[in-house]
Amino acid sequence: MFDHSSKIPITGDPLTDILRGLRLDGVEYGRFELKEPWGIQFPAQPAARFHFIGRKGCWLKQPSGEWVELNAGDAILLPRGAAHVLASEPGAQAWPIHGYEVEEVCKDVYCMSNEGMSECCRPGTLLFCGSMYFNLDGLHPLLGMMPDVMRTHELEAYEPGIPHLLESMAREVTMERVGSGGILARLADVLAATVIRSWVERGCGDSSGWIAAVRDREIGRVLAAIHLEPNHDWTVESLARMMGASRSGFAERFATIVGETPAKYVTQVRMHQARQWLIRDRMKISVVAARLGYESDAAFSRAFKRVIGSAPSHLRAEEQADIRQAN
């Protein structure tokens, strides 16, 4: 089915329409060979974090402060990159991840150890970790609904492909074969995406809020169209036509189910997309403003600040300051 006011085909499942372009792009991976006692502090970051326990279990201090045990073969995903600790035992002294020795194995894959690279092949706890970016803005309601920690062990019964992916990672994590680093990185990307898909297909852990709105037979199609084509010139009239309702009837039903007026929701989605274009794709402010149909950079900047909380120029300045601080 096609909405005549846009170029996006809408299927019978609005949630599937919104998620069909969901992608995780891995940017950096690390293989850790660790001797007890050990502990690693992972600070909060915009990117998701992924951990695979390749050999000898360890403990995770969750963002909530609770310690949980992880076994060899487990994998976890922290979709919002919340701060956490991995350690040989609860309470073990932990050091920031950036304090470990690093050796590049292949492009974007690094080997790290707490006893120097010469000890990298001695048996110990073996981890494979990665940082990954969603192609969704960090303020997207779907990301906000995800739990702080998603564990493959809890999803294996619902997703038969997960054990096979974990077995493949276990075979490659020793990095004894040519190309293991690159293969591990791709397997991590696939496994993380599979975890997200399984979580979504099992109901996203919540039947209320945004997910309930998306699954509404009438409003869901409207939300899918807005998210799939945020740069379209959506109006209350065009969205009402899509639902087959009057302007006032549509606006009232939308606000009741979604909790926002149609105009405000469209603006929020557009500004979240704009932030992605500015940060991830490094587009110029003028290009983003034109793509979203604003007649001037100033008009776009006002709308952006109203939703995001800071002007797009300040966003760029903060990004440059973070880069200088990291260096």
C-alpha atoms as a PDB file:
ATOM      1  CA  MET A   1       0.000   0.000   0.000  1.00  0.00           C
ATOM      2  CA  PHE A   2       1.250   3.517  -0.813  1.00  0.00           C
ATOM      3  CA  ASP A   3       0.330   6.785   0.831  1.00  0.00           C
ATOM      4  CA  HIS A   4      -0.430   9.132  -2.070  1.00  0.00           C
ATOM      5  CA  SER A   5       1.121  12.134  -0.304  1.00  0.00           C
ATOM      6  CA  SER A   6       4.569  10.513   0.020  1.00  0.00           C
ATOM      7  CA  LYS A   7       6.880   8.106  -1.765  1.00  0.00           C
ATOM      8  CA  ILE A   8       7.066   5.574   1.066  1.00  0.00           C
ATOM      9  CA  PRO A   9       5.265   2.224   0.752  1.00  0.00           C
ATOM     10  CA  ILE A  10       3.370   1.373   3.937  1.00  0.00           C
ATOM     11  CA  THR A  11       2.836  -2.305   4.764  1.00  0.00           C
ATOM     12  CA  GLY A  12       0.268  -3.842   7.088  1.00  0.00           C
ATOM     13  CA  ASP A  13       2.627  -3.664  10.086  1.00  0.00           C
ATOM     14  CA  PRO A  14       3.647  -0.095  11.028  1.00  0.00           C
ATOM     15  CA  LEU A  15       6.269  -1.246  13.547  1.00  0.00           C
ATOM     16  CA  THR A  16       7.958  -3.329  10.856  1.00  0.00           C
ATOM     17  CA  ASP A  17       7.895  -0.302   8.550  1.00  0.00           C
ATOM     18  CA  ILE A  18       9.654   1.847  11.144  1.00  0.00           C
ATOM     19  CA  LEU A  19      12.208  -0.837  12.019  1.00  0.00           C
ATOM     20  CA  ARG A  20      12.991  -2.110   8.530  1.00  0.00           C
ATOM     21  CA  GLY A  21      15.792   0.413   8.204  1.00  0.00           C
ATOM     22  CA  LEU A  22      17.120  -0.123  11.745  1.00  0.00           C
ATOM     23  CA  ARG A  23      20.847  -0.750  11.570  1.00  0.00           C
ATOM     24  CA  LEU A  24      23.767  -1.032  13.961  1.00  0.00           C
ATOM     25  CA  ASP A  25      27.105   0.139  12.628  1.00  0.00           C
ATOM     26  CA  GLY A  26      30.130  -1.062  14.582  1.00  0.00           C
ATOM     27  CA  VAL A  27      32.878   1.539  14.859  1.00  0.00           C
ATOM     28  CA  GLU A  28      35.457  -0.020  17.170  1.00  0.00           C
ATOM     29  CA  TYR A  29      36.145  -3.422  18.713  1.00  0.00           C
ATOM     30  CA  GLY A  30      38.512  -4.727  21.360  1.00  0.00           C
ATOM     31  CA  ARG A  31      39.727  -8.173  22.347  1.00  0.00           C
ATOM     32  CA  PHE A  32      40.687  -8.377  26.028  1.00  0.00           C
ATOM     33  CA  GLU A  33      42.942 -11.048  27.529  1.00  0.00           C
ATOM     34  CA  LEU A  34      42.751 -10.591  31.309  1.00  0.00           C
ATOM     35  CA  LYS A  35      44.375 -12.208  34.334  1.00  0.00           C
ATOM     36  CA  GLU A  36      42.661 -12.202  37.732  1.00  0.00           C
ATOM     37  CA  PRO A  37      42.048 -10.025  39.537  1.00  0.00           C
ATOM     38  CA  TRP A  38      40.847  -7.485  36.992  1.00  0.00           C
ATOM     39  CA  GLY A  39      38.161  -4.891  36.475  1.00  0.00           C
ATOM     40  CA  ILE A  40      37.309  -2.524  33.621  1.00  0.00           C
ATOM     41  CA  GLN A  41      35.232   0.641  33.912  1.00  0.00           C
ATOM     42  CA  PHE A  42      33.242   1.453  30.786  1.00  0.00           C
ATOM     43  CA  PRO A  43      32.083   5.091  30.905  1.00  0.00           C
ATOM     44  CA  ALA A  44      28.750   6.222  29.506  1.00  0.00           C
ATOM     45  CA  GLN A  45      28.842   6.987  25.788  1.00  0.00           C
ATOM     46  CA  PRO A  46      26.352   7.787  22.997  1.00  0.00           C
ATOM     47  CA  ALA A  47      27.146   4.524  21.173  1.00  0.00           C
ATOM     48  CA  ALA A  48      25.795   1.144  22.248  1.00  0.00           C
ATOM     49  CA  ARG A  49      28.261  -1.297  23.834  1.00  0.00           C
ATOM     50  CA  PHE A  50      28.495  -4.999  23.108  1.00  0.00           C
ATOM     51  CA  HIS A  51      30.379  -7.667  25.103  1.00  0.00           C
ATOM     52  CA  PHE A  52      30.991 -11.331  24.293  1.00  0.00           C
ATOM     53  CA  ILE A  53      32.480 -13.570  26.984  1.00  0.00           C
ATOM     54  CA  GLY A  54      34.757 -15.889  25.017  1.00  0.00           C
ATOM     55  CA  ARG A  55      36.428 -17.797  27.841  1.00  0.00           C
ATOM     56  CA  LYS A  56      36.066 -17.956  31.620  1.00  0.00           C
ATOM     57  CA  GLY A  57      33.090 -16.137  33.091  1.00  0.00           C
ATOM     58  CA  CYS A  58      33.107 -12.754  34.798  1.00  0.00           C
ATOM     59  CA  TRP A  59      30.775 -10.312  36.538  1.00  0.00           C
ATOM     60  CA  LEU A  60      28.848  -7.307  35.264  1.00  0.00           C
ATOM     61  CA  LYS A  61      28.033  -4.340  37.462  1.00  0.00           C
ATOM     62  CA  GLN A  62      24.900  -3.067  35.793  1.00  0.00           C
ATOM     63  CA  PRO A  63      23.995   0.640  35.500  1.00  0.00           C
ATOM     64  CA  SER A  64      21.626   0.014  38.426  1.00  0.00           C
ATOM     65  CA  GLY A  65      24.614  -0.997  40.585  1.00  0.00           C
ATOM     66  CA  GLU A  66      23.565  -4.660  40.793  1.00  0.00           C
ATOM     67  CA  TRP A  67      26.183  -7.348  40.063  1.00  0.00           C
ATOM     68  CA  VAL A  68      25.215 -10.258  37.785  1.00  0.00           C
ATOM     69  CA  GLU A  69      27.341 -13.212  36.735  1.00  0.00           C
ATOM     70  CA  LEU A  70      28.188 -13.786  33.077  1.00  0.00           C
ATOM     71  CA  ASN A  71      29.288 -17.189  31.813  1.00  0.00           C
ATOM     72  CA  ALA A  72      31.571 -18.137  28.946  1.00  0.00           C
ATOM     73  CA  GLY A  73      29.485 -17.922  25.779  1.00  0.00           C
ATOM     74  CA  ASP A  74      27.245 -15.123  27.072  1.00  0.00           C
ATOM     75  CA  ALA A  75      26.830 -11.862  25.176  1.00  0.00           C
ATOM     76  CA  ILE A  76      25.251  -8.615  26.340  1.00  0.00           C
ATOM     77  CA  LEU A  77      24.194  -5.398  24.635  1.00  0.00           C
ATOM     78  CA  LEU A  78      23.858  -2.038  26.371  1.00  0.00           C
ATOM     79  CA  PRO A  79      21.829  -0.172  23.727  1.00  0.00           C
ATOM     80  CA  ARG A  80      22.225   3.299  25.238  1.00  0.00           C
ATOM     81  CA  GLY A  81      25.873   2.893  26.216  1.00  0.00           C
ATOM     82  CA  ALA A  82      25.217   3.291  29.960  1.00  0.00           C
ATOM     83  CA  ALA A  83      28.191   3.263  32.342  1.00  0.00           C
ATOM     84  CA  HIS A  84      29.039  -0.183  33.726  1.00  0.00           C
ATOM     85  CA  VAL A  85      31.870  -2.388  34.984  1.00  0.00           C
ATOM     86  CA  LEU A  86      33.115  -5.827  33.985  1.00  0.00           C
ATOM     87  CA  ALA A  87      35.260  -7.578  36.605  1.00  0.00           C
ATOM     88  CA  SER A  88      36.667 -10.931  37.640  1.00  0.00           C
ATOM     89  CA  GLU A  89      34.540 -10.787  40.793  1.00  0.00           C
ATOM     90  CA  PRO A  90      32.138  -8.330  42.438  1.00  0.00           C
ATOM     91  CA  GLY A  91      33.989  -5.440  44.034  1.00  0.00           C
ATOM     92  CA  ALA A  92      37.305  -6.071  42.262  1.00  0.00           C
ATOM     93  CA  GLN A  93      39.290  -2.890  41.683  1.00  0.00           C
ATOM     94  CA  ALA A  94      38.371  -1.544  38.248  1.00  0.00           C
ATOM     95  CA  TRP A  95      40.353   0.752  35.971  1.00  0.00           C
ATOM     96  CA  PRO A  96      39.061   2.927  33.100  1.00  0.00           C
ATOM     97  CA  ILE A  97      39.147   1.155  29.752  1.00  0.00           C
ATOM     98  CA  HIS A  98      41.340   3.872  28.267  1.00  0.00           C
ATOM     99  CA  GLY A  99      44.114   2.977  30.706  1.00  0.00           C
ATOM    100  CA  TYR A 100      44.818  -0.415  29.102  1.00  0.00           C
ATOM    101  CA  GLU A 101      47.585  -1.144  26.632  1.00  0.00           C
ATOM    102  CA  VAL A 102      46.332  -1.320  23.072  1.00  0.00           C
ATOM    103  CA  GLU A 103      47.651  -3.036  19.970  1.00  0.00           C
ATOM    104  CA  GLU A 104      45.822  -2.778  16.638  1.00  0.00           C
ATOM    105  CA  VAL A 105      45.172  -6.228  15.179  1.00  0.00           C
ATOM    106  CA  CYS A 106      43.372  -5.095  12.030  1.00  0.00           C
ATOM    107  CA  LYS A 107      41.243  -2.128  10.993  1.00  0.00           C
ATOM    108  CA  ASP A 108      39.160  -0.955  13.998  1.00  0.00           C
ATOM    109  CA  VAL A 109      39.979  -4.117  16.011  1.00  0.00           C
ATOM    110  CA  TYR A 110      42.364  -3.847  18.967  1.00  0.00           C
ATOM    111  CA  CYS A 111      43.977  -6.306  21.366  1.00  0.00           C
ATOM    112  CA  MET A 112      44.196  -5.278  25.019  1.00  0.00           C
ATOM    113  CA  SER A 113      45.709  -6.924  28.075  1.00  0.00           C
ATOM    114  CA  ASN A 114      46.306  -6.160  31.752  1.00  0.00           C
ATOM    115  CA  GLU A 115      49.724  -7.873  31.623  1.00  0.00           C
ATOM    116  CA  GLY A 116      51.237  -6.537  28.425  1.00  0.00           C
ATOM    117  CA  MET A 117      51.003  -7.829  24.894  1.00  0.00           C
ATOM    118  CA  SER A 118      53.627 -10.496  25.505  1.00  0.00           C
ATOM    119  CA  GLU A 119      51.141 -12.243  27.815  1.00  0.00           C
ATOM    120  CA  CYS A 120      48.263 -12.041  25.361  1.00  0.00           C
ATOM    121  CA  CYS A 121      48.184 -15.767  24.609  1.00  0.00           C
ATOM    122  CA  ARG A 122      48.194 -17.078  28.201  1.00  0.00           C
ATOM    123  CA  PRO A 123      44.829 -18.469  29.380  1.00  0.00           C
ATOM    124  CA  GLY A 124      42.619 -15.998  31.215  1.00  0.00           C
ATOM    125  CA  THR A 125      39.278 -14.321  30.782  1.00  0.00           C
ATOM    126  CA  LEU A 126      38.744 -13.555  27.112  1.00  0.00           C
ATOM    127  CA  LEU A 127      36.355 -10.792  26.056  1.00  0.00           C
ATOM    128  CA  PHE A 128      35.386  -9.331  22.716  1.00  0.00           C
ATOM    129  CA  CYS A 129      33.814  -5.898  23.051  1.00  0.00           C
ATOM    130  CA  GLY A 130      32.490  -3.355  20.597  1.00  0.00           C
ATOM    131  CA  SER A 131      30.989   0.098  20.261  1.00  0.00           C
ATOM    132  CA  MET A 132      28.099   0.417  17.821  1.00  0.00           C
ATOM    133  CA  TYR A 133      25.890   3.243  16.613  1.00  0.00           C
ATOM    134  CA  PHE A 134      22.225   2.883  15.788  1.00  0.00           C
ATOM    135  CA  ASN A 135      21.051   4.707  12.699  1.00  0.00           C
ATOM    136  CA  LEU A 136      18.403   6.177  15.002  1.00  0.00           C
ATOM    137  CA  ASP A 137      18.750   9.345  17.021  1.00  0.00           C
ATOM    138  CA  GLY A 138      19.525   8.729  20.685  1.00  0.00           C
ATOM    139  CA  LEU A 139      16.221  10.386  21.613  1.00  0.00           C
ATOM    140  CA  HIS A 140      14.137   8.035  19.459  1.00  0.00           C
ATOM    141  CA  PRO A 141      11.329   6.597  21.625  1.00  0.00           C
ATOM    142  CA  LEU A 142      12.277   3.033  20.690  1.00  0.00           C
ATOM    143  CA  LEU A 143      15.761   3.442  22.198  1.00  0.00           C
ATOM    144  CA  GLY A 144      14.277   4.999  25.300  1.00  0.00           C
ATOM    145  CA  MET A 145      12.129   1.902  25.846  1.00  0.00           C
ATOM    146  CA  MET A 146      15.007  -0.573  25.604  1.00  0.00           C
ATOM    147  CA  PRO A 147      16.359  -1.971  28.880  1.00  0.00           C
ATOM    148  CA  ASP A 148      19.799  -0.843  30.048  1.00  0.00           C
ATOM    149  CA  VAL A 149      21.171  -4.362  29.474  1.00  0.00           C
ATOM    150  CA  MET A 150      19.994  -6.967  26.951  1.00  0.00           C
ATOM    151  CA  ARG A 151      21.400 -10.484  27.413  1.00  0.00           C
ATOM    152  CA  THR A 152      21.435 -13.229  24.779  1.00  0.00           C
ATOM    153  CA  HIS A 153      20.889 -15.898  27.439  1.00  0.00           C
ATOM    154  CA  GLU A 154      17.401 -14.509  28.015  1.00  0.00           C
ATOM    155  CA  LEU A 155      16.536 -14.554  24.299  1.00  0.00           C
ATOM    156  CA  GLU A 156      17.943 -17.878  23.075  1.00  0.00           C
ATOM    157  CA  ALA A 157      14.651 -19.719  23.572  1.00  0.00           C
ATOM    158  CA  TYR A 158      12.909 -17.242  21.253  1.00  0.00           C
ATOM    159  CA  GLU A 159      15.674 -16.730  18.680  1.00  0.00           C
ATOM    160  CA  PRO A 160      17.178 -20.032  17.442  1.00  0.00           C
ATOM    161  CA  GLY A 161      19.891 -18.245  15.482  1.00  0.00           C
ATOM    162  CA  ILE A 162      21.560 -16.777  18.581  1.00  0.00           C
ATOM    163  CA  PRO A 163      23.331 -19.973  19.774  1.00  0.00           C
ATOM    164  CA  HIS A 164      24.829 -20.487  16.305  1.00  0.00           C
ATOM    165  CA  LEU A 165      26.153 -16.916  16.241  1.00  0.00           C
ATOM    166  CA  LEU A 166      27.632 -17.358  19.727  1.00  0.00           C
ATOM    167  CA  GLU A 167      29.290 -20.628  18.682  1.00  0.00           C
ATOM    168  CA  SER A 168      30.801 -18.910  15.649  1.00  0.00           C
ATOM    169  CA  MET A 169      32.161 -16.093  17.815  1.00  0.00           C
ATOM    170  CA  ALA A 170      33.629 -18.612  20.268  1.00  0.00           C
ATOM    171  CA  ARG A 171      35.533 -20.265  17.404  1.00  0.00           C
ATOM    172  CA  GLU A 172      36.957 -16.979  16.149  1.00  0.00           C
ATOM    173  CA  VAL A 173      37.697 -15.146  19.401  1.00  0.00           C
ATOM    174  CA  THR A 174      41.106 -16.774  19.946  1.00  0.00           C
ATOM    175  CA  MET A 175      42.151 -15.048  16.709  1.00  0.00           C
ATOM    176  CA  GLU A 176      44.299 -17.962  15.645  1.00  0.00           C
ATOM    177  CA  ARG A 177      43.121 -17.782  12.033  1.00  0.00           C
ATOM    178  CA  VAL A 178      43.618 -15.194   9.319  1.00  0.00           C
ATOM    179  CA  GLY A 179      40.862 -12.577   9.247  1.00  0.00           C
ATOM    180  CA  SER A 180      39.391 -13.488  12.633  1.00  0.00           C
ATOM    181  CA  GLY A 181      39.244  -9.867  13.769  1.00  0.00           C
ATOM    182  CA  GLY A 182      37.105  -8.749  10.843  1.00  0.00           C
ATOM    183  CA  ILE A 183      34.871 -11.829  11.064  1.00  0.00           C
ATOM    184  CA  LEU A 184      34.323 -11.240  14.800  1.00  0.00           C
ATOM    185  CA  ALA A 185      33.356  -7.620  14.135  1.00  0.00           C
ATOM    186  CA  ARG A 186      30.733  -8.642  11.566  1.00  0.00           C
ATOM    187  CA  LEU A 187      29.390 -11.429  13.804  1.00  0.00           C
ATOM    188  CA  ALA A 188      29.078  -8.931  16.668  1.00  0.00           C
ATOM    189  CA  ASP A 189      27.080  -6.573  14.433  1.00  0.00           C
ATOM    190  CA  VAL A 190      24.743  -9.385  13.344  1.00  0.00           C
ATOM    191  CA  LEU A 191      24.313 -10.703  16.891  1.00  0.00           C
ATOM    192  CA  ALA A 192      23.508  -7.261  18.300  1.00  0.00           C
ATOM    193  CA  ALA A 193      20.941  -6.649  15.552  1.00  0.00           C
ATOM    194  CA  THR A 194      19.428 -10.088  16.218  1.00  0.00           C
ATOM    195  CA  VAL A 195      19.093  -9.269  19.923  1.00  0.00           C
ATOM    196  CA  ILE A 196      17.216  -6.064  19.072  1.00  0.00           C
ATOM    197  CA  ARG A 197      14.958  -7.825  16.591  1.00  0.00           C
ATOM    198  CA  SER A 198      14.090 -10.581  19.064  1.00  0.00           C
ATOM    199  CA  TRP A 199      13.267  -8.008  21.721  1.00  0.00           C
ATOM    200  CA  VAL A 200      11.000  -6.114  19.332  1.00  0.00           C
ATOM    201  CA  GLU A 201       9.229  -9.248  18.084  1.00  0.00           C
ATOM    202  CA  ARG A 202       8.519 -10.354  21.656  1.00  0.00           C
ATOM    203  CA  GLY A 203       6.660  -7.111  22.334  1.00  0.00           C
ATOM    204  CA  CYS A 204       9.479  -4.751  23.317  1.00  0.00           C
ATOM    205  CA  GLY A 205       8.849  -5.601  26.936  1.00  0.00           C
ATOM    206  CA  ASP A 206       6.005  -3.096  27.043  1.00  0.00           C
ATOM    207  CA  SER A 207       2.547  -2.907  25.521  1.00  0.00           C
ATOM    208  CA  SER A 208       1.953   0.719  26.425  1.00  0.00           C
ATOM    209  CA  GLY A 209       3.305   4.113  25.421  1.00  0.00           C
ATOM    210  CA  TRP A 210       4.903   4.639  22.020  1.00  0.00           C
ATOM    211  CA  ILE A 211       4.844   0.948  21.042  1.00  0.00           C
ATOM    212  CA  ALA A 212       1.099   0.779  21.741  1.00  0.00           C
ATOM    213  CA  ALA A 213       0.595   3.867  19.565  1.00  0.00           C
ATOM    214  CA  VAL A 214       2.613   2.354  16.709  1.00  0.00           C
ATOM    215  CA  ARG A 215       0.582  -0.842  16.921  1.00  0.00           C
ATOM    216  CA  ASP A 216      -2.714   1.033  16.769  1.00  0.00           C
ATOM    217  CA  ARG A 217      -4.273   0.034  13.437  1.00  0.00           C
ATOM    218  CA  GLU A 218      -4.964   3.614  12.305  1.00  0.00           C
ATOM    219  CA  ILE A 219      -2.426   5.812  14.112  1.00  0.00           C
ATOM    220  CA  GLY A 220       0.385   3.319  13.505  1.00  0.00           C
ATOM    221  CA  ARG A 221       0.308   3.889   9.741  1.00  0.00           C
ATOM    222  CA  VAL A 222       0.601   7.623  10.320  1.00  0.00           C
ATOM    223  CA  LEU A 223       3.547   7.253  12.698  1.00  0.00           C
ATOM    224  CA  ALA A 224       5.313   4.897  10.279  1.00  0.00           C
ATOM    225  CA  ALA A 225       4.964   7.399   7.448  1.00  0.00           C
ATOM    226  CA  ILE A 226       6.337  10.242   9.587  1.00  0.00           C
ATOM    227  CA  HIS A 227       9.365   8.228  10.742  1.00  0.00           C
ATOM    228  CA  LEU A 228      10.139   6.789   7.315  1.00  0.00           C
ATOM    229  CA  GLU A 229      10.041  10.169   5.581  1.00  0.00           C
ATOM    230  CA  PRO A 230      10.768  12.899   8.160  1.00  0.00           C
ATOM    231  CA  ASN A 231      11.745  15.426   5.484  1.00  0.00           C
ATOM    232  CA  HIS A 232       8.302  15.209   3.843  1.00  0.00           C
ATOM    233  CA  ASP A 233       6.132  18.310   4.268  1.00  0.00           C
ATOM    234  CA  TRP A 234       3.626  16.672   6.577  1.00  0.00           C
ATOM    235  CA  THR A 235       0.511  18.640   7.526  1.00  0.00           C
ATOM    236  CA  VAL A 236      -2.364  17.728   9.801  1.00  0.00           C
ATOM    237  CA  GLU A 237      -4.574  17.602   6.701  1.00  0.00           C
ATOM    238  CA  SER A 238      -2.327  15.153   4.795  1.00  0.00           C
ATOM    239  CA  LEU A 239      -1.963  12.897   7.841  1.00  0.00           C
ATOM    240  CA  ALA A 240      -5.719  12.977   8.452  1.00  0.00           C
ATOM    241  CA  ARG A 241      -6.307  11.911   4.832  1.00  0.00           C
ATOM    242  CA  MET A 242      -3.944   8.984   5.337  1.00  0.00           C
ATOM    243  CA  MET A 243      -6.032   7.818   8.285  1.00  0.00           C
ATOM    244  CA  GLY A 244      -9.286   8.554   6.452  1.00  0.00           C
ATOM    245  CA  ALA A 245     -10.556  10.933   9.114  1.00  0.00           C
ATOM    246  CA  SER A 246     -11.498  14.575   9.423  1.00  0.00           C
ATOM    247  CA  ARG A 247      -8.801  17.036  10.466  1.00  0.00           C
ATOM    248  CA  SER A 248     -10.285  17.604  13.915  1.00  0.00           C
ATOM    249  CA  GLY A 249     -11.117  13.925  14.469  1.00  0.00           C
ATOM    250  CA  PHE A 250      -7.615  12.844  13.509  1.00  0.00           C
ATOM    251  CA  ALA A 251      -5.916  15.499  15.648  1.00  0.00           C
ATOM    252  CA  GLU A 252      -7.956  14.523  18.705  1.00  0.00           C
ATOM    253  CA  ARG A 253      -7.349  10.786  18.282  1.00  0.00           C
ATOM    254  CA  PHE A 254      -3.611  11.306  17.618  1.00  0.00           C
ATOM    255  CA  ALA A 255      -3.152  13.444  20.728  1.00  0.00           C
ATOM    256  CA  THR A 256      -5.099  10.966  22.879  1.00  0.00           C
ATOM    257  CA  ILE A 257      -3.035   7.932  21.800  1.00  0.00           C
ATOM    258  CA  VAL A 258       0.409   9.485  21.237  1.00  0.00           C
ATOM    259  CA  GLY A 259       0.295  12.158  23.937  1.00  0.00           C
ATOM    260  CA  GLU A 260       1.428  14.920  21.566  1.00  0.00           C
ATOM    261  CA  THR A 261      -0.265  17.008  18.895  1.00  0.00           C
ATOM    262  CA  PRO A 262       0.512  15.866  15.324  1.00  0.00           C
ATOM    263  CA  ALA A 263       2.419  19.061  14.565  1.00  0.00           C
ATOM    264  CA  LYS A 264       4.596  18.790  17.668  1.00  0.00           C
ATOM    265  CA  TYR A 265       5.334  15.110  17.052  1.00  0.00           C
ATOM    266  CA  VAL A 266       6.322  15.746  13.423  1.00  0.00           C
ATOM    267  CA  THR A 267       8.649  18.556  14.510  1.00  0.00           C
ATOM    268  CA  GLN A 268      10.285  16.320  17.139  1.00  0.00           C
ATOM    269  CA  VAL A 269      10.921  13.539  14.621  1.00  0.00           C
ATOM    270  CA  ARG A 270      12.329  16.014  12.093  1.00  0.00           C
ATOM    271  CA  MET A 271      14.692  17.584  14.631  1.00  0.00           C
ATOM    272  CA  HIS A 272      15.902  14.184  15.864  1.00  0.00           C
ATOM    273  CA  GLN A 273      16.639  13.297  12.235  1.00  0.00           C
ATOM    274  CA  ALA A 274      18.384  16.640  11.810  1.00  0.00           C
ATOM    275  CA  ARG A 275      20.619  15.882  14.781  1.00  0.00           C
ATOM    276  CA  GLN A 276      21.579  12.578  13.153  1.00  0.00           C
ATOM    277  CA  TRP A 277      22.458  14.340   9.911  1.00  0.00           C
ATOM    278  CA  LEU A 278      24.520  16.945  11.767  1.00  0.00           C
ATOM    279  CA  ILE A 279      26.425  14.567  14.066  1.00  0.00           C
ATOM    280  CA  ARG A 280      26.583  11.254  12.210  1.00  0.00           C
ATOM    281  CA  ASP A 281      26.675  12.454   8.601  1.00  0.00           C
ATOM    282  CA  ARG A 282      28.364  15.797   9.357  1.00  0.00           C
ATOM    283  CA  MET A 283      26.066  17.723   7.045  1.00  0.00           C
ATOM    284  CA  LYS A 284      26.223  21.502   6.976  1.00  0.00           C
ATOM    285  CA  ILE A 285      23.494  23.304   8.866  1.00  0.00           C
ATOM    286  CA  SER A 286      22.330  24.993   5.656  1.00  0.00           C
ATOM    287  CA  VAL A 287      22.017  21.622   3.906  1.00  0.00           C
ATOM    288  CA  VAL A 288      19.954  20.147   6.751  1.00  0.00           C
ATOM    289  CA  ALA A 289      17.729  23.227   6.855  1.00  0.00           C
ATOM    290  CA  ALA A 290      17.092  23.007   3.104  1.00  0.00           C
ATOM    291  CA  ARG A 291      16.467  19.255   3.228  1.00  0.00           C
ATOM    292  CA  LEU A 292      13.779  19.776   5.867  1.00  0.00           C
ATOM    293  CA  GLY A 293      12.169  22.570   3.862  1.00  0.00           C
ATOM    294  CA  TYR A 294      13.099  25.559   6.026  1.00  0.00           C
ATOM    295  CA  GLU A 295      13.390  28.867   4.188  1.00  0.00           C
ATOM    296  CA  SER A 296      16.350  30.009   6.304  1.00  0.00           C
ATOM    297  CA  ASP A 297      19.004  28.624   8.617  1.00  0.00           C
ATOM    298  CA  ALA A 298      17.677  30.887  11.359  1.00  0.00           C
ATOM    299  CA  ALA A 299      14.167  29.394  11.195  1.00  0.00           C
ATOM    300  CA  PHE A 300      15.606  25.874  11.305  1.00  0.00           C
ATOM    301  CA  SER A 301      17.919  26.757  14.215  1.00  0.00           C
ATOM    302  CA  ARG A 302      15.000  28.094  16.262  1.00  0.00           C
ATOM    303  CA  ALA A 303      12.985  24.920  15.710  1.00  0.00           C
ATOM    304  CA  PHE A 304      16.011  22.756  16.468  1.00  0.00           C
ATOM    305  CA  LYS A 305      16.761  24.564  19.731  1.00  0.00           C
ATOM    306  CA  ARG A 306      13.125  24.374  20.795  1.00  0.00           C
ATOM    307  CA  VAL A 307      13.170  20.555  20.529  1.00  0.00           C
ATOM    308  CA  ILE A 308      16.782  19.547  21.230  1.00  0.00           C
ATOM    309  CA  GLY A 309      17.613  22.238  23.773  1.00  0.00           C
ATOM    310  CA  SER A 310      20.593  23.803  22.030  1.00  0.00           C
ATOM    311  CA  ALA A 311      21.223  25.448  18.676  1.00  0.00           C
ATOM    312  CA  PRO A 312      22.788  23.318  15.913  1.00  0.00           C
ATOM    313  CA  SER A 313      25.869  25.563  15.932  1.00  0.00           C
ATOM    314  CA  HIS A 314      26.340  24.844  19.646  1.00  0.00           C
ATOM    315  CA  LEU A 315      26.022  21.130  18.911  1.00  0.00           C
ATOM    316  CA  ARG A 316      28.969  21.380  16.527  1.00  0.00           C
ATOM    317  CA  ALA A 317      30.978  23.438  19.037  1.00  0.00           C
ATOM    318  CA  GLU A 318      30.378  20.840  21.780  1.00  0.00           C
ATOM    319  CA  GLU A 319      31.443  18.054  19.404  1.00  0.00           C
ATOM    320  CA  GLN A 320      34.713  19.828  18.590  1.00  0.00           C
ATOM    321  CA  ALA A 321      35.367  20.449  22.303  1.00  0.00           C
ATOM    322  CA  ASP A 322      34.854  16.736  23.025  1.00  0.00           C
ATOM    323  CA  ILE A 323      37.325  15.822  20.282  1.00  0.00           C
ATOM    324  CA  ARG A 324      39.956  18.221  21.638  1.00  0.00           C
ATOM    325  CA  GLN A 325      39.460  16.893  25.167  1.00  0.00           C
ATOM    326  CA  ALA A 326      39.816  13.291  23.973  1.00  0.00           C
ATOM    327  CA  ASN A 327      43.083  14.157  22.263  1.00  0.00           C
END
